Amino acid sequence: MVTLGILQFLGPTLQFVIGWKFYHEPMTCGRLLSFSLIWLAIALYAGNALRKSKP
């Protein structure tokens, strides 16, 4: 389940990077901001989970 969870985060990220770098889709400020906020939320959630799991 852990591996599946990680893949569910990485799949859309890789699609985003491929579209941006290889297919030259425009990187607007709105897209960059939303992408950054999503990964900030994931980092906060993971950090909180790690902090709570330590004895």
N, C-alpha and C. Protein backbone atom coordinates (compact mmCIF):
# COMPACT_ATOMS: atom_id res chain seq x y z
N MET A 1 0.82 -1.19 0.00
CA MET A 1 0.00 0.00 0.00
C MET A 1 0.86 1.27 0.00
N VAL A 2 1.99 1.20 0.67
CA VAL A 2 2.87 2.37 0.70
C VAL A 2 3.39 2.67 -0.70
N THR A 3 3.80 1.64 -1.42
CA THR A 3 4.31 1.83 -2.78
C THR A 3 3.23 2.39 -3.69
N LEU A 4 2.04 1.91 -3.55
CA LEU A 4 0.94 2.41 -4.37
C LEU A 4 0.66 3.87 -4.07
N GLY A 5 0.71 4.24 -2.80
CA GLY A 5 0.50 5.63 -2.43
C GLY A 5 1.55 6.54 -3.03
N ILE A 6 2.80 6.13 -3.00
CA ILE A 6 3.87 6.94 -3.58
C ILE A 6 3.69 7.06 -5.09
N LEU A 7 3.32 5.98 -5.74
CA LEU A 7 3.11 6.02 -7.19
C LEU A 7 1.95 6.93 -7.57
N GLN A 8 0.95 7.02 -6.70
CA GLN A 8 -0.18 7.91 -6.99
C GLN A 8 0.22 9.37 -6.90
N PHE A 9 1.27 9.69 -6.16
CA PHE A 9 1.79 11.05 -6.14
C PHE A 9 2.73 11.29 -7.30
N LEU A 10 3.53 10.30 -7.65
CA LEU A 10 4.53 10.49 -8.69
C LEU A 10 3.95 10.47 -10.11
N GLY A 11 2.90 9.71 -10.33
CA GLY A 11 2.31 9.62 -11.67
C GLY A 11 1.90 10.98 -12.24
N PRO A 12 1.05 11.73 -11.54
CA PRO A 12 0.67 13.05 -12.07
C PRO A 12 1.83 14.02 -12.17
N THR A 13 2.79 13.91 -11.25
CA THR A 13 3.95 14.80 -11.30
C THR A 13 4.78 14.52 -12.55
N LEU A 14 4.99 13.25 -12.86
CA LEU A 14 5.76 12.91 -14.06
C LEU A 14 5.01 13.33 -15.32
N GLN A 15 3.70 13.19 -15.34
CA GLN A 15 2.92 13.64 -16.49
C GLN A 15 3.04 15.15 -16.66
N PHE A 16 3.02 15.86 -15.57
CA PHE A 16 3.16 17.31 -15.60
C PHE A 16 4.52 17.72 -16.18
N VAL A 17 5.59 17.09 -15.70
CA VAL A 17 6.94 17.42 -16.16
C VAL A 17 7.12 17.03 -17.63
N ILE A 18 6.61 15.89 -18.03
CA ILE A 18 6.72 15.47 -19.43
C ILE A 18 5.98 16.44 -20.34
N GLY A 19 4.78 16.84 -19.95
CA GLY A 19 4.02 17.79 -20.76
C GLY A 19 4.73 19.13 -20.87
N TRP A 20 5.34 19.56 -19.79
CA TRP A 20 6.01 20.85 -19.77
C TRP A 20 7.33 20.82 -20.55
N LYS A 21 8.16 19.81 -20.30
CA LYS A 21 9.49 19.76 -20.90
C LYS A 21 9.50 19.22 -22.34
N PHE A 22 8.76 18.16 -22.58
CA PHE A 22 8.85 17.49 -23.88
C PHE A 22 7.80 17.96 -24.88
N TYR A 23 6.61 18.30 -24.40
CA TYR A 23 5.55 18.75 -25.32
C TYR A 23 5.37 20.26 -25.31
N HIS A 24 6.22 20.94 -24.54
CA HIS A 24 6.28 22.41 -24.51
C HIS A 24 4.94 23.05 -24.20
N GLU A 25 4.23 22.47 -23.24
CA GLU A 25 3.00 23.11 -22.78
C GLU A 25 3.37 24.35 -21.98
N PRO A 26 2.57 25.39 -22.07
CA PRO A 26 2.92 26.64 -21.38
C PRO A 26 2.87 26.47 -19.86
N MET A 27 3.85 27.07 -19.18
CA MET A 27 3.89 27.05 -17.72
C MET A 27 3.43 28.42 -17.23
N THR A 28 2.17 28.52 -16.93
CA THR A 28 1.62 29.78 -16.46
C THR A 28 1.85 29.91 -14.96
N CYS A 29 1.68 31.12 -14.47
CA CYS A 29 1.86 31.35 -13.03
C CYS A 29 0.84 30.56 -12.23
N GLY A 30 -0.37 30.44 -12.74
CA GLY A 30 -1.41 29.68 -12.04
C GLY A 30 -1.06 28.21 -11.92
N ARG A 31 -0.54 27.63 -12.98
CA ARG A 31 -0.14 26.22 -12.94
C ARG A 31 1.02 26.00 -11.97
N LEU A 32 2.00 26.87 -12.04
CA LEU A 32 3.16 26.74 -11.17
C LEU A 32 2.76 26.92 -9.70
N LEU A 33 1.90 27.87 -9.44
CA LEU A 33 1.44 28.09 -8.08
C LEU A 33 0.64 26.89 -7.56
N SER A 34 -0.26 26.37 -8.36
CA SER A 34 -1.06 25.23 -7.91
C SER A 34 -0.20 23.98 -7.72
N PHE A 35 0.76 23.76 -8.60
CA PHE A 35 1.67 22.63 -8.47
C PHE A 35 2.48 22.75 -7.18
N SER A 36 2.98 23.95 -6.92
CA SER A 36 3.77 24.18 -5.71
C SER A 36 2.94 24.00 -4.45
N LEU A 37 1.72 24.48 -4.45
CA LEU A 37 0.87 24.35 -3.27
C LEU A 37 0.48 22.90 -3.00
N ILE A 38 0.25 22.14 -4.05
CA ILE A 38 -0.07 20.72 -3.88
C ILE A 38 1.09 20.00 -3.24
N TRP A 39 2.32 20.22 -3.72
CA TRP A 39 3.48 19.54 -3.16
C TRP A 39 3.83 20.06 -1.77
N LEU A 40 3.53 21.32 -1.49
CA LEU A 40 3.71 21.83 -0.13
C LEU A 40 2.77 21.12 0.83
N ALA A 41 1.53 20.93 0.42
CA ALA A 41 0.56 20.22 1.25
C ALA A 41 0.98 18.77 1.48
N ILE A 42 1.49 18.12 0.45
CA ILE A 42 1.96 16.74 0.60
C ILE A 42 3.14 16.68 1.57
N ALA A 43 4.06 17.63 1.46
CA ALA A 43 5.22 17.66 2.35
C ALA A 43 4.79 17.90 3.80
N LEU A 44 3.85 18.80 4.02
CA LEU A 44 3.36 19.04 5.37
C LEU A 44 2.67 17.81 5.95
N TYR A 45 1.87 17.16 5.15
CA TYR A 45 1.17 15.96 5.59
C TYR A 45 2.16 14.84 5.93
N ALA A 46 3.14 14.63 5.06
CA ALA A 46 4.13 13.58 5.30
C ALA A 46 5.00 13.91 6.50
N GLY A 47 5.38 15.17 6.64
CA GLY A 47 6.18 15.58 7.80
C GLY A 47 5.44 15.39 9.09
N ASN A 48 4.17 15.71 9.10
CA ASN A 48 3.35 15.52 10.30
C ASN A 48 3.20 14.03 10.62
N ALA A 49 3.01 13.22 9.62
CA ALA A 49 2.89 11.78 9.84
C ALA A 49 4.20 11.19 10.39
N LEU A 50 5.33 11.65 9.87
CA LEU A 50 6.62 11.18 10.36
C LEU A 50 6.85 11.62 11.80
N ARG A 51 6.48 12.85 12.09
CA ARG A 51 6.67 13.38 13.45
C ARG A 51 5.83 12.61 14.46
N LYS A 52 4.62 12.26 14.09
CA LYS A 52 3.74 11.51 14.99
C LYS A 52 4.16 10.06 15.16
N SER A 53 4.86 9.51 14.16
CA SER A 53 5.24 8.09 14.23
C SER A 53 6.48 7.86 15.08
N LYS A 54 7.25 8.91 15.36
CA LYS A 54 8.44 8.76 16.20
C LYS A 54 8.02 8.62 17.66
N PRO A 55 8.67 7.69 18.40
CA PRO A 55 8.30 7.48 19.81
C PRO A 55 8.72 8.61 20.71
